[in-house]
Protein backbone atom coordinates (compact mmCIF):
# COMPACT_ATOMS: atom_id res chain seq x y z
CA MET A 1 -4.68 2.17 -10.30
CA ALA A 2 -5.20 0.94 -6.74
CA GLY A 3 -7.14 4.13 -6.00
CA TYR A 4 -9.46 3.58 -8.96
CA PHE A 5 -10.08 0.00 -7.89
CA ALA A 6 -10.99 1.15 -4.36
CA ILE A 7 -13.53 3.62 -5.76
CA PHE A 8 -14.91 0.98 -8.15
CA LEU A 9 -15.27 -1.53 -5.29
CA VAL A 10 -17.11 0.97 -3.09
CA VAL A 11 -19.46 2.01 -5.93
CA VAL A 12 -20.33 -1.59 -6.87
CA THR A 13 -20.91 -2.46 -3.19
CA LEU A 14 -23.23 0.53 -2.74
CA ILE A 15 -25.17 -0.31 -5.91
CA CYS A 16 -25.68 -3.92 -4.79
CA GLY A 17 -26.76 -2.76 -1.34
CA PHE A 18 -29.15 -0.20 -2.85
CA VAL A 19 -30.72 -2.86 -5.11
CA TRP A 20 -31.13 -5.18 -2.12
CA LEU A 21 -32.77 -2.36 -0.12
CA LEU A 22 -35.15 -1.48 -2.98
CA ASP A 23 -36.16 -5.11 -3.25
CA ALA A 24 -36.78 -5.42 0.50
CA LYS A 25 -38.81 -2.20 0.71
CA LEU A 26 -40.60 -2.02 -2.67
CA TRP A 27 -40.24 -4.93 -5.07
CA ALA A 28 -40.63 -7.88 -2.67
CA PRO A 29 -43.87 -6.48 -1.12
CA ALA A 30 -45.17 -5.83 -4.67
CA ARG A 31 -44.48 -9.44 -5.62
CA LYS A 32 -46.32 -10.68 -2.51
CA LYS A 33 -49.34 -8.53 -3.43
CA ARG A 34 -49.36 -9.97 -6.94
CA VAL A 35 -49.35 -13.49 -5.52
CA ALA A 36 -52.13 -12.64 -3.07
CA HIS A 37 -54.28 -11.07 -5.82
CA ALA A 38 -53.71 -14.05 -8.11
CA GLN A 39 -54.72 -16.51 -5.38
CA ALA A 40 -57.82 -14.50 -4.56
CA ALA A 41 -58.85 -14.27 -8.22
CA ALA A 42 -58.38 -18.02 -8.73
CA GLY A 43 -60.14 -18.94 -5.54
CA GLY A 44 -56.97 -20.44 -4.12
CA ASN A 45 -56.67 -22.98 -6.96
CA ILE A 46 -53.69 -21.45 -8.77
CA PRO A 47 -50.87 -23.94 -9.60
CA THR A 48 -47.70 -23.81 -7.46
CA ALA A 49 -45.51 -23.30 -10.54
CA ASP A 50 -47.47 -20.17 -11.44
CA LEU A 51 -47.18 -18.86 -7.87
CA ASP A 52 -43.43 -19.44 -7.90
CA LYS A 53 -43.17 -17.56 -11.20
CA LEU A 54 -45.09 -14.59 -9.79
CA ALA A 55 -42.90 -14.51 -6.66
CA GLU A 56 -39.62 -15.05 -8.52
CA GLN A 57 -36.87 -12.49 -7.94
CA PRO A 58 -35.38 -10.78 -10.99
CA VAL A 59 -31.86 -12.01 -11.85
CA LEU A 60 -30.38 -8.59 -11.05
CA VAL A 61 -31.85 -8.60 -7.54
CA GLU A 62 -30.83 -12.19 -6.86
CA THR A 63 -27.27 -11.47 -7.99
CA ALA A 64 -27.04 -8.28 -5.92
CA GLN A 65 -28.27 -10.08 -2.79
CA SER A 66 -25.80 -12.91 -3.35
CA ILE A 67 -22.68 -10.82 -3.79
CA PHE A 68 -23.42 -7.84 -1.52
CA PRO A 69 -22.29 -9.50 1.76
CA ILE A 70 -19.06 -10.68 0.11
CA LEU A 71 -18.36 -7.27 -1.45
CA ALA A 72 -19.15 -5.51 1.84
CA LEU A 73 -16.70 -7.70 3.75
CA ILE A 74 -13.98 -7.20 1.10
CA THR A 75 -14.56 -3.43 1.08
CA ILE A 76 -14.36 -3.17 4.89
CA PHE A 77 -11.28 -5.40 5.09
CA ARG A 78 -9.47 -3.66 2.23
CA SER A 79 -10.45 -0.10 3.15
CA PHE A 80 -9.97 -0.13 6.91
CA LEU A 81 -7.90 -3.18 7.93
CA PHE A 82 -5.43 -4.65 5.43
CA GLU A 83 -4.80 -4.22 1.71
CA PRO A 84 -2.66 -6.52 -0.46
CA PHE A 85 0.09 -5.06 -2.64
CA GLN A 86 2.64 -6.55 -5.02
CA ILE A 87 6.24 -5.31 -5.09
CA PRO A 88 6.85 -4.28 -8.73
CA SER A 89 10.46 -3.07 -8.61
CA GLY A 90 13.79 -3.58 -6.85
CA SER A 91 13.91 -0.21 -5.05
CA MET A 92 13.36 -1.84 -1.63
CA MET A 93 15.86 -4.68 -2.05
CA PRO A 94 17.07 -6.56 -0.10
CA THR A 95 14.14 -6.07 2.31
CA MET A 96 11.56 -6.66 -0.40
CA LEU A 97 12.06 -8.38 -3.72
CA VAL A 98 10.18 -8.23 -7.00
CA GLY A 99 7.42 -10.80 -6.68
CA ASP A 100 6.79 -10.29 -2.97
CA PHE A 101 3.11 -9.92 -2.10
CA ILE A 102 2.59 -7.92 1.07
CA LEU A 103 -0.19 -6.90 3.42
CA VAL A 104 -0.41 -3.22 4.32
CA GLN A 105 -2.00 -2.27 7.64
CA LYS A 106 -4.43 0.46 6.61
CA TYR A 107 -5.27 1.69 10.12
CA ALA A 108 -1.64 2.15 11.24
CA TYR A 109 -1.62 5.84 10.29
CA GLY A 110 -5.28 6.69 10.85
CA VAL A 111 -8.60 5.35 9.60
CA HIS A 112 -9.59 7.00 6.30
CA ASP A 113 -12.66 6.80 4.11
CA PRO A 114 -11.87 4.74 0.98
CA VAL A 115 -12.96 7.33 -1.62
CA TRP A 116 -11.83 10.82 -0.52
CA ARG A 117 -9.25 9.48 1.97
CA LYS A 118 -10.30 11.92 4.69
CA GLU A 119 -9.18 10.86 8.16
CA LEU A 120 -12.03 9.51 10.27
CA ILE A 121 -10.11 8.29 13.32
CA THR A 122 -6.56 9.17 14.42
CA THR A 123 -4.63 6.02 15.34
CA GLY A 124 -0.94 6.86 15.00
CA ALA A 125 1.83 8.32 12.86
CA PRO A 126 4.79 6.86 10.94
CA GLU A 127 7.96 6.27 12.92
CA ARG A 128 11.51 6.38 11.58
CA GLY A 129 12.29 2.97 10.13
CA ASP A 130 8.71 2.06 9.13
CA ILE A 131 8.10 0.71 5.63
CA ALA A 132 5.18 2.76 4.33
CA VAL A 133 2.95 2.68 1.26
CA PHE A 134 1.84 6.09 0.02
CA LYS A 135 0.40 7.92 -2.95
CA PHE A 136 3.23 9.17 -5.16
CA PRO A 137 3.24 12.95 -4.65
CA LEU A 138 3.82 13.67 -8.36
CA ASP A 139 1.03 11.32 -9.51
CA GLU A 140 -1.39 10.16 -6.82
CA ARG A 141 -2.76 7.46 -9.11
CA LEU A 142 0.41 5.49 -8.27
CA ASP A 143 1.24 3.73 -5.01
CA TYR A 144 4.88 3.79 -3.85
CA ILE A 145 6.58 1.88 -1.06
CA LYS A 146 9.65 3.24 0.76
CA ARG A 147 11.15 3.41 4.23
CA VAL A 148 10.46 6.37 6.52
CA VAL A 149 13.80 8.12 7.11
CA GLY A 150 12.76 11.60 8.22
CA THR A 151 9.77 12.61 10.35
CA PRO A 152 8.37 16.15 10.78
CA GLY A 153 11.03 18.59 11.97
CA ASP A 154 14.00 16.31 11.24
CA ARG A 155 17.08 17.52 9.41
CA VAL A 156 18.24 14.89 6.89
CA ILE A 157 21.55 14.86 4.99
CA TYR A 158 22.64 12.28 2.42
CA LYS A 159 26.25 12.60 1.29
CA ASN A 160 28.74 10.07 -0.10
CA LYS A 161 26.20 7.28 0.41
CA GLN A 162 26.00 8.09 4.12
CA LEU A 163 22.86 9.18 5.91
CA PHE A 164 22.90 11.80 8.69
CA ILE A 165 19.88 12.78 10.81
CA GLN A 166 19.30 15.55 13.32
CA PRO A 167 15.99 14.64 15.01
CA SER A 168 13.27 17.16 15.66
CA CYS A 169 13.34 18.77 19.12
CA LYS A 170 9.58 18.25 19.34
CA THR A 171 9.92 14.45 19.22
CA ASN A 172 13.41 14.13 20.73
CA PRO A 173 14.08 17.13 22.99
CA THR A 174 17.11 15.55 24.74
CA ASN A 175 19.06 14.70 21.58
CA CYS A 176 18.18 17.29 18.96
CA ASP A 177 21.20 19.57 19.16
CA LYS A 178 23.52 17.51 16.96
CA LEU A 179 23.63 15.85 13.57
CA THR A 180 24.07 12.09 14.01
CA ARG A 181 25.62 9.71 11.51
CA VAL A 182 23.37 6.70 10.95
CA ASN A 183 25.34 3.56 11.79
CA LEU A 184 26.29 1.34 8.86
CA SER A 185 28.12 -1.98 9.00
CA LYS A 186 29.06 -4.07 5.98
CA GLU A 187 27.38 -7.46 5.96
CA ALA A 188 28.26 -8.95 2.55
CA GLU A 189 29.25 -8.14 -1.01
CA GLY A 190 28.17 -9.83 -4.21
CA GLU A 191 24.94 -11.45 -2.98
CA PHE A 192 23.14 -8.98 -5.24
CA GLU A 193 24.46 -7.22 -8.33
CA SER A 194 23.45 -4.50 -10.77
CA MET A 195 24.59 -4.62 -14.40
CA GLY A 196 27.38 -6.98 -13.39
CA ILE A 197 28.57 -4.80 -10.48
CA PRO A 198 28.55 -6.56 -7.07
CA LEU A 199 26.47 -4.62 -4.53
CA ILE A 200 27.42 -4.11 -0.89
CA THR A 201 24.88 -5.30 1.66
CA ALA A 202 25.10 -3.14 4.79
CA LYS A 203 23.17 -3.14 8.05
CA GLU A 204 21.59 0.17 9.03
CA GLN A 205 19.92 1.31 12.25
CA LEU A 206 16.99 3.71 11.88
CA GLY A 207 15.35 4.44 15.20
CA GLU A 208 14.45 1.08 16.73
CA VAL A 209 14.59 -0.69 13.37
CA GLU A 210 17.67 -2.57 12.18
CA HIS A 211 17.57 -3.53 8.51
CA ASN A 212 19.77 -4.16 5.48
CA ILE A 213 20.36 -1.81 2.57
CA LEU A 214 22.17 -2.15 -0.76
CA ILE A 215 24.92 0.17 -1.96
CA ASN A 216 26.43 0.27 -5.44
CA PRO A 217 30.08 1.31 -4.91
CA ALA A 218 30.48 2.22 -8.59
CA TYR A 219 27.43 4.47 -8.77
CA PRO A 220 27.62 8.19 -7.84
CA ASP A 221 25.16 9.86 -5.46
CA MET A 222 23.58 11.82 -8.34
CA ALA A 223 23.47 14.85 -6.04
CA GLU A 224 22.97 17.18 -9.02
CA ARG A 225 19.50 15.62 -9.45
CA PHE A 226 18.49 15.91 -5.80
CA TYR A 227 15.40 17.87 -4.87
CA SER A 228 16.40 21.38 -3.82
CA GLN A 229 14.59 22.70 -0.78
CA PRO A 230 14.78 26.49 -0.41
CA GLY A 231 17.12 27.51 2.41
CA THR A 232 19.11 24.28 2.51
CA ARG A 233 22.22 22.96 0.78
CA LYS A 234 22.25 20.29 -1.90
CA GLY A 235 21.68 16.91 -0.27
CA GLU A 236 20.15 18.47 2.86
CA TRP A 237 16.46 18.65 3.77
CA ILE A 238 14.38 19.94 6.68
CA VAL A 239 11.19 17.87 6.88
CA PRO A 240 8.16 20.21 7.15
CA GLU A 241 5.36 19.66 9.67
CA GLY A 242 2.85 17.14 8.34
CA TYR A 243 5.37 15.59 5.94
CA TYR A 244 7.82 12.67 5.79
CA PHE A 245 11.10 11.91 4.02
CA MET A 246 11.17 8.49 2.31
CA MET A 247 14.04 6.43 0.91
CA GLY A 248 14.37 3.03 -0.72
CA ASP A 249 16.62 0.38 0.82
CA ASN A 250 18.28 -0.13 -2.57
CA ARG A 251 19.92 3.27 -2.20
CA ASP A 252 21.40 3.62 -5.69
CA ASN A 253 18.34 2.26 -7.48
CA SER A 254 15.48 4.12 -5.86
CA THR A 255 13.61 7.23 -6.98
CA ASP A 256 12.56 8.66 -3.63
CA SER A 257 12.38 11.83 -1.52
CA ARG A 258 15.95 12.69 -2.45
CA PHE A 259 14.72 13.39 -5.98
CA TRP A 260 11.10 14.57 -5.65
CA GLY A 261 10.63 15.83 -2.08
CA PHE A 262 8.31 15.00 0.79
CA VAL A 263 5.23 12.84 1.37
CA SER A 264 2.30 14.49 3.14
CA GLU A 265 0.23 12.86 5.89
CA ASP A 266 -2.86 12.64 3.69
CA GLN A 267 -0.89 10.71 1.03
CA LEU A 268 -0.07 7.86 3.42
CA VAL A 269 -1.84 4.57 2.71
CA GLY A 270 -0.51 2.33 5.48
CA LYS A 271 2.35 0.34 6.97
CA ALA A 272 3.77 -2.78 5.30
CA VAL A 273 3.66 -5.54 7.92
CA PHE A 274 3.63 -8.98 6.31
CA ILE A 275 4.83 -10.89 3.24
CA TRP A 276 2.11 -13.46 2.53
CA MET A 277 3.51 -14.79 -0.77
CA SER A 278 6.71 -14.45 -2.78
CA PHE A 279 6.93 -15.60 -6.39
CA VAL A 280 9.93 -15.92 -8.68
CA PHE A 281 8.77 -14.88 -12.15
CA ASN A 282 10.17 -16.07 -15.45
CA ASP A 283 13.17 -13.86 -16.29
CA GLY A 284 13.51 -14.96 -19.90
CA GLN A 285 15.25 -18.27 -19.24
CA ILE A 286 12.12 -20.08 -20.46
CA SER A 287 11.64 -18.41 -23.84
CA TRP A 288 8.08 -19.62 -24.47
CA LEU A 289 6.77 -18.59 -21.03
CA PRO A 290 5.50 -15.01 -20.41
CA ASP A 291 7.47 -12.95 -17.87
CA PHE A 292 4.45 -12.59 -15.56
CA VAL A 293 4.12 -16.34 -14.99
CA PRO A 294 5.57 -17.60 -11.65
CA VAL A 295 8.15 -20.37 -11.88
CA ASP A 296 8.97 -20.78 -8.18
CA ILE A 297 7.85 -19.77 -4.67
CA ARG A 298 10.24 -18.32 -2.05
CA PHE A 299 8.67 -19.82 1.05
CA SER A 300 11.55 -18.60 3.23
CA ARG A 301 10.48 -14.99 2.70
CA LEU A 302 6.98 -15.38 4.13
CA GLY A 303 6.45 -13.58 7.42
CA THR A 304 6.67 -10.14 9.03
CA VAL A 305 8.79 -7.42 7.45
CA GLN A 306 11.43 -5.29 9.16
């Protein structure tokens, strides 16, 4: 839906700009000529009210001129700088909660045109540990948000809730000969729960990024449902060139690259950098209030994301 809105915004902006241009080049000069002819025919004695009526802009033109600068600024900001997103699910807990509103840096992974998403300027690439928004590979109408776990050339293994990474020799030539266990340290248990089961909060180190993840000790890895890459074992993946391996921080409640494969460079939208608002929505405790209505604000969550 976000993709359709971007196209709609660009089209409306172009239409308003085109109407403004037509008025400046064709319609406004025509109105001035009508006024001049009317004044000449009346010997300069035409009433001011009649002159104003002859020179009056059509409502469509006036509206287009009024909203075009605003739409142009919104389009530029949203297409090339930052785009707001709402977190709809718990797959990135505890880093991001349902009700968090985030800003995504659109130029972090290249500047793209807002319609066909072709790269215009190369600015950078995702690094291990980034939180990235991307077009869901199985349905590009949907935007997903996950953490970058594997970069091109990496070997990734997920087994018994433990992540192992062998970095690509192209990006890490001095430390690419061995499979490394990603460090995990238990932080808490029971702060979050799923279906009455207390979840383990653990600290994980991915590249330069230290962050928390959630583990459900009663939930299996579901390895039988993992995406099978030809030439590798179950639960093992070699990230192809131009692709990335994504995982949610809520490891046992996230549909991610483990289940559907890799994310290509041209499917990347941007890097999540800031939580600008965080609402608590009605969870049914207030029976007469719809679920989409906020009942509280989590001010403590506002700020940069890690």
